[in-house]
Amino acid sequence: MRKALLFTFLILFALVSCSDEQYPDLDNGLYAEIKTNKGTMVVQLFYDQVPAAVANFVSLAEGNNPLADSIYKGKPYYDGIKFHRIIKDFMIQGGDPNGTGSGGPGYKFHDEFSPELKHDTIGVLSMANSGYGTNGSQFFITDAPTPHLDGYDAENNLKNCENPQIGCHTVFGQLVLGFDVLKAITEVEMKDARRGKPMRPVTMESVRIIRKGKDARHFEAPEVFTEEIDKRAEELAEAARAKEQLKEEQRALFEEQRQQADTLESGLAIFISEKGSDEKPKRSQMVKVNYAGYFEDGELFDSSMKAYAEKWDMQTRPKEEMYGPTEIPYGPEAQMIAGFKEGVQQLNYGDKATLFIPYYLGYGERGYRIIPPRTNLVFEIELVDDRETE
């Protein structure tokens, strides 16, 4: 028995020692050795900053991811997978077992963003995705700085990553060895350069995890991944409960205001919640309007005001500086839905009001983007009094 235990210990010690001896200059940490048919790269993994992404990558590489499809259980996931998209001066992308860019391990998980982790240099390791919260097994390594892929903007404000027109990607590592290999891969002969398709496959022959130091050796990827997934699920559940509470409060307020609102001939109903001045703007004069748009059930769908967006844990503008009043002409020529511009024309400078807009004065029979067809809307608006005082 003692001999068996000693033999097992010696094998484990030998594996650790080989790893340390092969890369003696690496600092303590968690790394991945990516052997390709063009050479070997080593990336450091930021397991303490983005634990879900790193645990996902490590557990796939080691064949023990708890959510992966059964066909991937018990074997190194990335071995034999090719870099299916290679674009010089941009990035190389791999991790799809189908080799098409549409495959994955059978699940999707959330993003992790940090203002300290950016696509600011060559060799950044990041999760590829098809939109917010759609991470799987695909990743890319940058061949140039790509700040437009960051989760935070240049002022360290979190981007509106839920907007499908805005790309945000989770940085989870950095190339530390093999920059020449990265360069060699980006310079392979291309079959279709525009789409990033190489003439001959560039394949990951193996991906092995290197643990250096006590903390890295204690990083149990399957357990960490499960914990992070469970934690995210609870966060989403709590956010959903808070949102329902906000909706109920807003819906109750709207019901009360609707009973006191004045209904115009068009069908628009308006409730003046706060009186401003006694002066109206002149016809066609440019005015500034703050607004928040809701569905009838009290759910916010848009706002020009940052405070409202933050209250609902939403980002209604892609950039911080885009929050603020909307400037429109005071009159029917305003490029707004009919009910909104009619409502604005009822206000004096400084007035605040709630508009109850029937669907035919809103986005009509067809709807628009997130607005379903035949949807009544509610807007809280303020005609900003920005006149210069004498």
Protein backbone atom coordinates (compact mmCIF):
# COMPACT_ATOMS: atom_id res chain seq x y z
CA MET A 1 0.00 0.00 0.00
CA ARG A 2 2.80 2.37 0.95
CA LYS A 3 4.59 1.60 -2.30
CA ALA A 4 1.43 2.36 -4.27
CA LEU A 5 0.96 5.70 -2.49
CA LEU A 6 4.62 6.56 -2.95
CA PHE A 7 4.38 5.71 -6.66
CA THR A 8 1.29 7.93 -7.05
CA PHE A 9 3.03 10.78 -5.24
CA LEU A 10 6.09 10.46 -7.44
CA ILE A 11 3.97 10.55 -10.59
CA LEU A 12 2.14 13.69 -9.43
CA PHE A 13 5.40 15.30 -8.35
CA ALA A 14 6.94 14.49 -11.70
CA LEU A 15 4.04 16.07 -13.57
CA VAL A 16 4.29 19.26 -11.52
CA SER A 17 8.06 19.31 -11.80
CA CYS A 18 7.96 18.84 -15.58
CA SER A 19 5.60 21.73 -15.84
CA ASP A 20 7.79 23.93 -13.67
CA GLU A 21 10.99 22.85 -15.41
CA GLN A 22 9.50 23.43 -18.86
CA TYR A 23 8.58 27.03 -18.02
CA PRO A 24 10.86 27.98 -15.11
CA ASP A 25 10.55 31.73 -15.72
CA LEU A 26 6.79 31.88 -15.34
CA ASP A 27 5.54 33.50 -12.15
CA ASN A 28 3.08 31.74 -9.90
CA GLY A 29 -0.31 31.58 -11.56
CA LEU A 30 -2.61 29.63 -13.83
CA TYR A 31 -1.60 29.18 -17.47
CA ALA A 32 -2.65 27.33 -20.59
CA GLU A 33 -0.19 25.82 -23.03
CA ILE A 34 -1.71 25.85 -26.52
CA LYS A 35 0.24 23.62 -28.90
CA THR A 36 -0.63 24.25 -32.55
CA ASN A 37 0.70 22.96 -35.83
CA LYS A 38 2.44 26.35 -36.09
CA GLY A 39 4.12 26.23 -32.69
CA THR A 40 3.30 26.64 -29.00
CA MET A 41 1.75 29.58 -27.19
CA VAL A 42 1.32 30.06 -23.43
CA VAL A 43 -1.39 32.29 -21.99
CA GLN A 44 -1.82 33.41 -18.42
CA LEU A 45 -5.39 33.00 -17.10
CA PHE A 46 -6.91 35.68 -14.82
CA TYR A 47 -8.71 33.26 -12.51
CA ASP A 48 -9.00 35.70 -9.61
CA GLN A 49 -10.65 38.46 -11.69
CA VAL A 50 -12.94 36.52 -14.04
CA PRO A 51 -13.41 33.14 -12.35
CA ALA A 52 -16.34 31.91 -14.47
CA ALA A 53 -14.61 32.43 -17.81
CA VAL A 54 -11.36 30.87 -16.60
CA ALA A 55 -13.11 27.94 -14.89
CA ASN A 56 -15.05 27.35 -18.09
CA PHE A 57 -11.90 27.29 -20.22
CA VAL A 58 -9.91 25.14 -17.79
CA SER A 59 -12.67 22.59 -17.20
CA LEU A 60 -13.26 22.23 -20.94
CA ALA A 61 -9.54 21.81 -21.57
CA GLU A 62 -9.35 19.14 -18.88
CA GLY A 63 -12.57 17.37 -19.88
CA ASN A 64 -14.50 17.90 -16.65
CA ASN A 65 -16.87 20.79 -17.34
CA PRO A 66 -20.12 20.02 -15.47
CA LEU A 67 -22.42 21.49 -18.15
CA ALA A 68 -20.77 20.23 -21.33
CA ASP A 69 -22.62 17.82 -23.59
CA SER A 70 -21.96 14.18 -22.79
CA ILE A 71 -19.91 13.68 -25.97
CA TYR A 72 -17.27 16.03 -24.53
CA LYS A 73 -17.09 14.49 -21.05
CA GLY A 74 -13.82 12.97 -19.94
CA LYS A 75 -11.67 14.20 -22.83
CA PRO A 76 -9.74 17.39 -23.58
CA TYR A 77 -12.28 19.54 -25.42
CA TYR A 78 -9.93 21.78 -27.40
CA ASP A 79 -7.53 19.14 -28.68
CA GLY A 80 -7.84 18.92 -32.46
CA ILE A 81 -10.01 22.01 -32.85
CA LYS A 82 -8.86 24.54 -35.42
CA PHE A 83 -8.65 28.31 -35.48
CA HIS A 84 -11.53 28.78 -37.89
CA ARG A 85 -11.22 32.56 -38.25
CA ILE A 86 -7.88 34.32 -38.74
CA ILE A 87 -7.73 38.03 -39.51
CA LYS A 88 -4.32 39.71 -39.54
CA ASP A 89 -4.10 42.86 -37.38
CA PHE A 90 -7.32 41.84 -35.64
CA MET A 91 -7.44 38.39 -34.02
CA ILE A 92 -7.42 34.60 -34.34
CA GLN A 93 -10.54 32.74 -33.21
CA GLY A 94 -11.01 29.11 -32.24
CA GLY A 95 -12.80 26.78 -29.85
CA ASP A 96 -15.67 25.67 -32.08
CA PRO A 97 -15.76 21.87 -32.45
CA ASN A 98 -17.69 22.31 -35.71
CA GLY A 99 -15.10 24.69 -37.12
CA THR A 100 -17.77 27.03 -38.47
CA GLY A 101 -18.09 29.66 -35.75
CA SER A 102 -21.56 28.49 -34.74
CA GLY A 103 -20.75 25.49 -32.52
CA GLY A 104 -20.20 25.16 -28.81
CA PRO A 105 -20.18 22.86 -25.76
CA GLY A 106 -23.96 22.70 -25.30
CA TYR A 107 -24.52 25.62 -22.90
CA LYS A 108 -24.07 29.38 -22.62
CA PHE A 109 -22.97 31.46 -19.68
CA HIS A 110 -22.73 35.07 -18.53
CA ASP A 111 -20.17 37.79 -19.21
CA GLU A 112 -17.67 39.14 -16.70
CA PHE A 113 -16.39 42.67 -17.26
CA SER A 114 -13.74 44.62 -15.41
CA PRO A 115 -12.41 48.11 -16.22
CA GLU A 116 -8.90 46.75 -15.57
CA LEU A 117 -9.17 44.03 -18.22
CA LYS A 118 -9.16 45.49 -21.70
CA HIS A 119 -8.37 44.58 -25.29
CA ASP A 120 -5.51 47.06 -25.23
CA THR A 121 -2.59 45.11 -26.67
CA ILE A 122 -1.52 42.15 -28.77
CA GLY A 123 -2.17 38.72 -27.28
CA VAL A 124 -5.29 39.43 -25.23
CA LEU A 125 -7.28 36.22 -24.63
CA SER A 126 -11.03 36.88 -24.72
CA MET A 127 -14.35 35.08 -25.04
CA ALA A 128 -16.04 35.08 -28.44
CA ASN A 129 -19.82 35.34 -28.37
CA SER A 130 -22.91 36.04 -30.45
CA GLY A 131 -24.25 38.66 -28.07
CA TYR A 132 -24.71 39.48 -24.41
CA GLY A 133 -24.55 36.41 -22.13
CA THR A 134 -23.82 33.90 -24.91
CA ASN A 135 -20.34 32.66 -23.98
CA GLY A 136 -19.54 29.03 -24.66
CA SER A 137 -16.23 27.52 -25.71
CA GLN A 138 -15.07 29.89 -28.44
CA PHE A 139 -12.30 32.36 -27.73
CA PHE A 140 -9.98 34.68 -29.61
CA ILE A 141 -6.48 36.10 -29.20
CA THR A 142 -5.95 39.66 -30.41
CA ASP A 143 -3.36 40.58 -33.02
CA ALA A 144 -3.78 44.30 -32.26
CA PRO A 145 -5.50 46.50 -29.66
CA THR A 146 -9.28 46.26 -30.12
CA PRO A 147 -10.84 48.65 -27.56
CA HIS A 148 -14.24 48.54 -29.28
CA LEU A 149 -14.63 45.03 -27.84
CA ASP A 150 -14.21 46.16 -24.21
CA GLY A 151 -17.07 45.97 -21.72
CA TYR A 152 -16.15 49.44 -20.48
CA ASP A 153 -15.62 52.62 -22.49
CA ALA A 154 -12.56 54.89 -22.40
CA GLU A 155 -13.95 56.69 -19.32
CA ASN A 156 -14.44 53.35 -17.50
CA ASN A 157 -18.23 53.48 -17.80
CA LEU A 158 -19.92 50.13 -18.36
CA LYS A 159 -21.24 49.94 -21.92
CA ASN A 160 -24.81 49.01 -22.80
CA CYS A 161 -23.70 45.48 -23.57
CA GLU A 162 -27.26 44.16 -23.79
CA ASN A 163 -27.71 46.26 -26.93
CA PRO A 164 -27.19 43.83 -29.85
CA GLN A 165 -25.44 46.58 -31.82
CA ILE A 166 -22.71 46.89 -29.18
CA GLY A 167 -20.04 44.21 -28.91
CA CYS A 168 -18.67 43.41 -25.45
CA HIS A 169 -16.30 40.53 -24.72
CA THR A 170 -14.88 39.03 -21.53
CA VAL A 171 -11.09 39.29 -21.29
CA PHE A 172 -9.79 36.31 -19.31
CA GLY A 173 -6.10 35.99 -20.14
CA GLN A 174 -2.97 37.29 -21.82
CA LEU A 175 -0.38 35.70 -24.09
CA VAL A 176 2.99 35.53 -22.31
CA LEU A 177 4.96 33.18 -24.57
CA GLY A 178 4.72 32.48 -28.28
CA PHE A 179 4.17 35.88 -29.83
CA ASP A 180 6.09 34.64 -32.85
CA VAL A 181 3.62 31.77 -33.16
CA LEU A 182 0.69 34.20 -33.05
CA LYS A 183 2.36 36.22 -35.79
CA ALA A 184 2.97 33.08 -37.85
CA ILE A 185 -0.68 32.10 -37.57
CA THR A 186 -1.90 35.54 -38.67
CA GLU A 187 0.36 35.38 -41.72
CA VAL A 188 -0.75 32.02 -43.09
CA GLU A 189 -1.94 31.87 -46.69
CA MET A 190 -5.61 32.72 -46.86
CA LYS A 191 -8.39 31.13 -48.87
CA ASP A 192 -10.82 33.95 -48.04
CA ALA A 193 -9.09 36.83 -46.25
CA ARG A 194 -12.26 38.86 -45.79
CA ARG A 195 -13.96 36.06 -43.88
CA GLY A 196 -10.75 34.93 -42.19
CA LYS A 197 -10.63 31.46 -43.77
CA PRO A 198 -7.09 30.02 -44.09
CA MET A 199 -5.97 27.91 -47.06
CA ARG A 200 -4.85 25.10 -44.75
CA PRO A 201 -6.13 24.38 -41.23
CA VAL A 202 -4.36 25.85 -38.21
CA THR A 203 -5.09 23.33 -35.47
CA MET A 204 -4.77 23.23 -31.70
CA GLU A 205 -3.04 19.91 -31.23
CA SER A 206 -3.38 20.12 -27.46
CA VAL A 207 -4.34 22.55 -24.70
CA ARG A 208 -2.81 21.80 -21.30
CA ILE A 209 -3.30 23.69 -18.05
CA ILE A 210 -0.21 24.70 -16.05
CA ARG A 211 -0.61 25.42 -12.34
CA LYS A 212 2.24 27.20 -10.61
CA GLY A 213 2.00 28.00 -6.93
CA LYS A 214 -0.39 26.98 -4.17
CA ASP A 215 -3.35 29.17 -5.19
CA ALA A 216 -3.30 28.00 -8.80
CA ARG A 217 -3.04 24.36 -7.79
CA HIS A 218 -6.08 24.81 -5.55
CA PHE A 219 -8.21 26.28 -8.35
CA GLU A 220 -10.82 23.56 -8.87
CA ALA A 221 -12.37 24.59 -12.18
CA PRO A 222 -15.54 22.42 -12.16
CA GLU A 223 -16.48 23.55 -8.66
CA VAL A 224 -15.71 27.20 -9.38
CA PHE A 225 -17.71 27.12 -12.60
CA THR A 226 -20.73 25.60 -10.84
CA GLU A 227 -20.50 28.14 -8.02
CA GLU A 228 -20.29 31.06 -10.44
CA ILE A 229 -23.23 29.80 -12.52
CA ASP A 230 -25.34 29.35 -9.38
CA LYS A 231 -24.35 32.77 -8.09
CA ARG A 232 -25.31 34.38 -11.39
CA ALA A 233 -28.66 32.60 -11.39
CA GLU A 234 -29.42 33.96 -7.93
CA GLU A 235 -28.38 37.47 -8.99
CA LEU A 236 -30.73 37.29 -11.96
CA ALA A 237 -33.55 36.00 -9.77
CA GLU A 238 -33.05 38.82 -7.28
CA ALA A 239 -32.95 41.38 -10.10
CA ALA A 240 -36.19 39.94 -11.49
CA ARG A 241 -37.87 40.26 -8.09
CA ALA A 242 -36.71 43.86 -7.75
CA LYS A 243 -37.91 44.65 -11.26
CA GLU A 244 -41.35 43.21 -10.57
CA GLN A 245 -41.59 45.37 -7.45
CA LEU A 246 -40.68 48.47 -9.46
CA LYS A 247 -43.22 47.57 -12.14
CA GLU A 248 -45.98 47.13 -9.59
CA GLU A 249 -45.23 50.47 -7.95
CA GLN A 250 -45.10 52.26 -11.30
CA ARG A 251 -48.27 50.58 -12.55
CA ALA A 252 -50.15 51.63 -9.39
CA LEU A 253 -48.96 55.23 -9.84
CA PHE A 254 -50.09 55.26 -13.45
CA GLU A 255 -53.53 53.91 -12.52
CA GLU A 256 -53.97 56.73 -10.01
CA GLN A 257 -52.78 59.38 -12.48
CA ARG A 258 -54.92 57.97 -15.30
CA GLN A 259 -58.07 58.54 -13.28
CA GLN A 260 -57.19 62.23 -12.93
CA ALA A 261 -55.88 62.76 -16.47
CA ASP A 262 -57.52 64.95 -19.12
CA THR A 263 -58.33 63.12 -22.34
CA LEU A 264 -57.99 65.07 -25.58
CA GLU A 265 -60.03 64.56 -28.73
CA SER A 266 -57.22 62.51 -30.26
CA GLY A 267 -57.41 59.98 -27.46
CA LEU A 268 -54.23 61.16 -25.74
CA ALA A 269 -54.63 61.47 -21.96
CA ILE A 270 -52.38 63.84 -20.02
CA PHE A 271 -51.79 64.27 -16.30
CA ILE A 272 -49.83 67.35 -15.17
CA SER A 273 -47.75 66.13 -12.23
CA GLU A 274 -45.88 69.40 -11.64
CA LYS A 275 -46.62 72.91 -12.88
CA GLY A 276 -43.82 75.06 -14.19
CA SER A 277 -44.10 78.55 -15.65
CA ASP A 278 -47.06 80.29 -17.35
CA GLU A 279 -45.22 80.64 -20.65
CA LYS A 280 -45.28 78.31 -23.63
CA PRO A 281 -42.50 78.09 -26.22
CA LYS A 282 -43.22 79.58 -29.62
CA ARG A 283 -44.28 77.38 -32.53
CA SER A 284 -41.32 75.52 -34.09
CA GLN A 285 -38.95 76.77 -31.36
CA MET A 286 -36.37 74.17 -30.34
CA VAL A 287 -37.03 72.85 -26.83
CA LYS A 288 -35.45 70.27 -24.56
CA VAL A 289 -37.46 67.37 -23.20
CA ASN A 290 -36.56 64.80 -20.55
CA TYR A 291 -38.55 61.60 -20.80
CA ALA A 292 -39.00 58.06 -19.56
CA GLY A 293 -41.04 55.58 -21.60
CA TYR A 294 -43.00 52.71 -20.07
CA PHE A 295 -45.27 49.87 -21.09
CA GLU A 296 -48.72 49.90 -19.49
CA ASP A 297 -47.64 47.31 -16.93
CA GLY A 298 -45.14 49.82 -15.52
CA GLU A 299 -41.96 48.44 -17.10
CA LEU A 300 -39.42 51.01 -18.30
CA PHE A 301 -38.21 50.57 -21.88
CA ASP A 302 -36.34 53.81 -22.53
CA SER A 303 -35.20 56.99 -20.79
CA SER A 304 -33.15 60.05 -21.61
CA MET A 305 -32.31 60.38 -17.91
CA LYS A 306 -29.47 58.43 -16.36
CA ALA A 307 -31.10 58.35 -12.91
CA TYR A 308 -34.10 56.48 -14.29
CA ALA A 309 -31.90 54.01 -16.16
CA GLU A 310 -29.87 53.34 -13.02
CA LYS A 311 -33.01 52.88 -10.92
CA TRP A 312 -34.10 50.12 -13.29
CA ASP A 313 -30.57 48.71 -13.63
CA MET A 314 -30.67 49.44 -17.35
CA GLN A 315 -28.45 51.21 -19.84
CA THR A 316 -30.67 53.08 -22.24
CA ARG A 317 -27.84 54.93 -23.93
CA PRO A 318 -24.71 53.34 -25.45
CA LYS A 319 -22.48 56.05 -24.01
CA GLU A 320 -22.54 58.05 -20.79
CA GLU A 321 -22.45 61.41 -22.56
CA MET A 322 -25.58 60.56 -24.56
CA TYR A 323 -27.85 60.87 -21.52
CA GLY A 324 -29.66 64.19 -21.27
CA PRO A 325 -32.69 66.04 -22.66
CA THR A 326 -33.82 65.40 -26.21
CA GLU A 327 -34.00 68.52 -28.37
CA ILE A 328 -37.03 68.77 -30.66
CA PRO A 329 -39.08 71.53 -32.35
CA TYR A 330 -42.14 72.62 -30.37
CA GLY A 331 -44.83 71.70 -32.84
CA PRO A 332 -46.24 69.03 -35.15
CA GLU A 333 -43.07 68.92 -37.24
CA ALA A 334 -41.17 67.16 -34.44
CA GLN A 335 -39.88 63.75 -35.56
CA MET A 336 -41.59 61.90 -32.71
CA ILE A 337 -44.61 59.64 -32.42
CA ALA A 338 -47.87 61.59 -32.70
CA GLY A 339 -48.94 61.19 -29.07
CA PHE A 340 -45.58 62.32 -27.72
CA LYS A 341 -45.34 65.53 -29.75
CA GLU A 342 -49.00 66.37 -29.09
CA GLY A 343 -48.36 65.94 -25.39
CA VAL A 344 -45.31 68.19 -25.46
CA GLN A 345 -47.39 70.92 -27.13
CA GLN A 346 -49.72 70.98 -24.10
CA LEU A 347 -46.87 71.95 -21.75
CA ASN A 348 -45.42 75.22 -20.55
CA TYR A 349 -41.76 75.66 -19.68
CA GLY A 350 -40.94 73.62 -16.58
CA ASP A 351 -44.09 71.47 -16.66
CA LYS A 352 -43.87 67.79 -15.85
CA ALA A 353 -46.53 65.41 -17.09
CA THR A 354 -47.51 61.81 -17.66
CA LEU A 355 -48.79 60.98 -21.16
CA PHE A 356 -51.07 58.00 -21.77
CA ILE A 357 -50.61 57.27 -25.46
CA PRO A 358 -52.95 54.84 -27.26
CA TYR A 359 -51.23 52.55 -29.75
CA TYR A 360 -52.61 54.43 -32.79
CA LEU A 361 -50.78 57.58 -31.60
CA GLY A 362 -47.68 55.53 -30.85
CA TYR A 363 -46.10 52.83 -32.98
CA GLY A 364 -49.37 51.65 -34.48
CA GLU A 365 -50.40 48.30 -35.84
CA ARG A 366 -46.87 47.12 -36.60
CA GLY A 367 -44.89 48.22 -33.55
CA TYR A 368 -41.21 49.13 -33.69
CA ARG A 369 -38.16 47.19 -32.46
CA ILE A 370 -38.89 46.40 -28.80
CA ILE A 371 -42.42 47.87 -29.02
CA PRO A 372 -44.90 45.11 -29.94
CA PRO A 373 -47.77 45.80 -32.36
CA ARG A 374 -50.82 47.65 -31.01
CA THR A 375 -49.10 48.60 -27.76
CA ASN A 376 -50.30 51.47 -25.59
CA LEU A 377 -47.48 53.44 -23.97
CA VAL A 378 -46.94 55.76 -21.02
CA PHE A 379 -44.36 58.57 -20.93
CA GLU A 380 -43.21 60.70 -18.03
CA ILE A 381 -41.93 63.93 -19.58
CA GLU A 382 -40.53 67.31 -18.57
CA LEU A 383 -40.34 70.39 -20.78
CA VAL A 384 -37.02 71.76 -19.54
CA ASP A 385 -37.02 75.43 -18.63
CA ASP A 386 -33.61 76.52 -19.85
CA ARG A 387 -34.50 80.13 -20.59
CA GLU A 388 -31.92 82.67 -19.52
CA THR A 389 -33.03 84.67 -16.51
CA GLU A 390 -32.72 88.46 -16.70
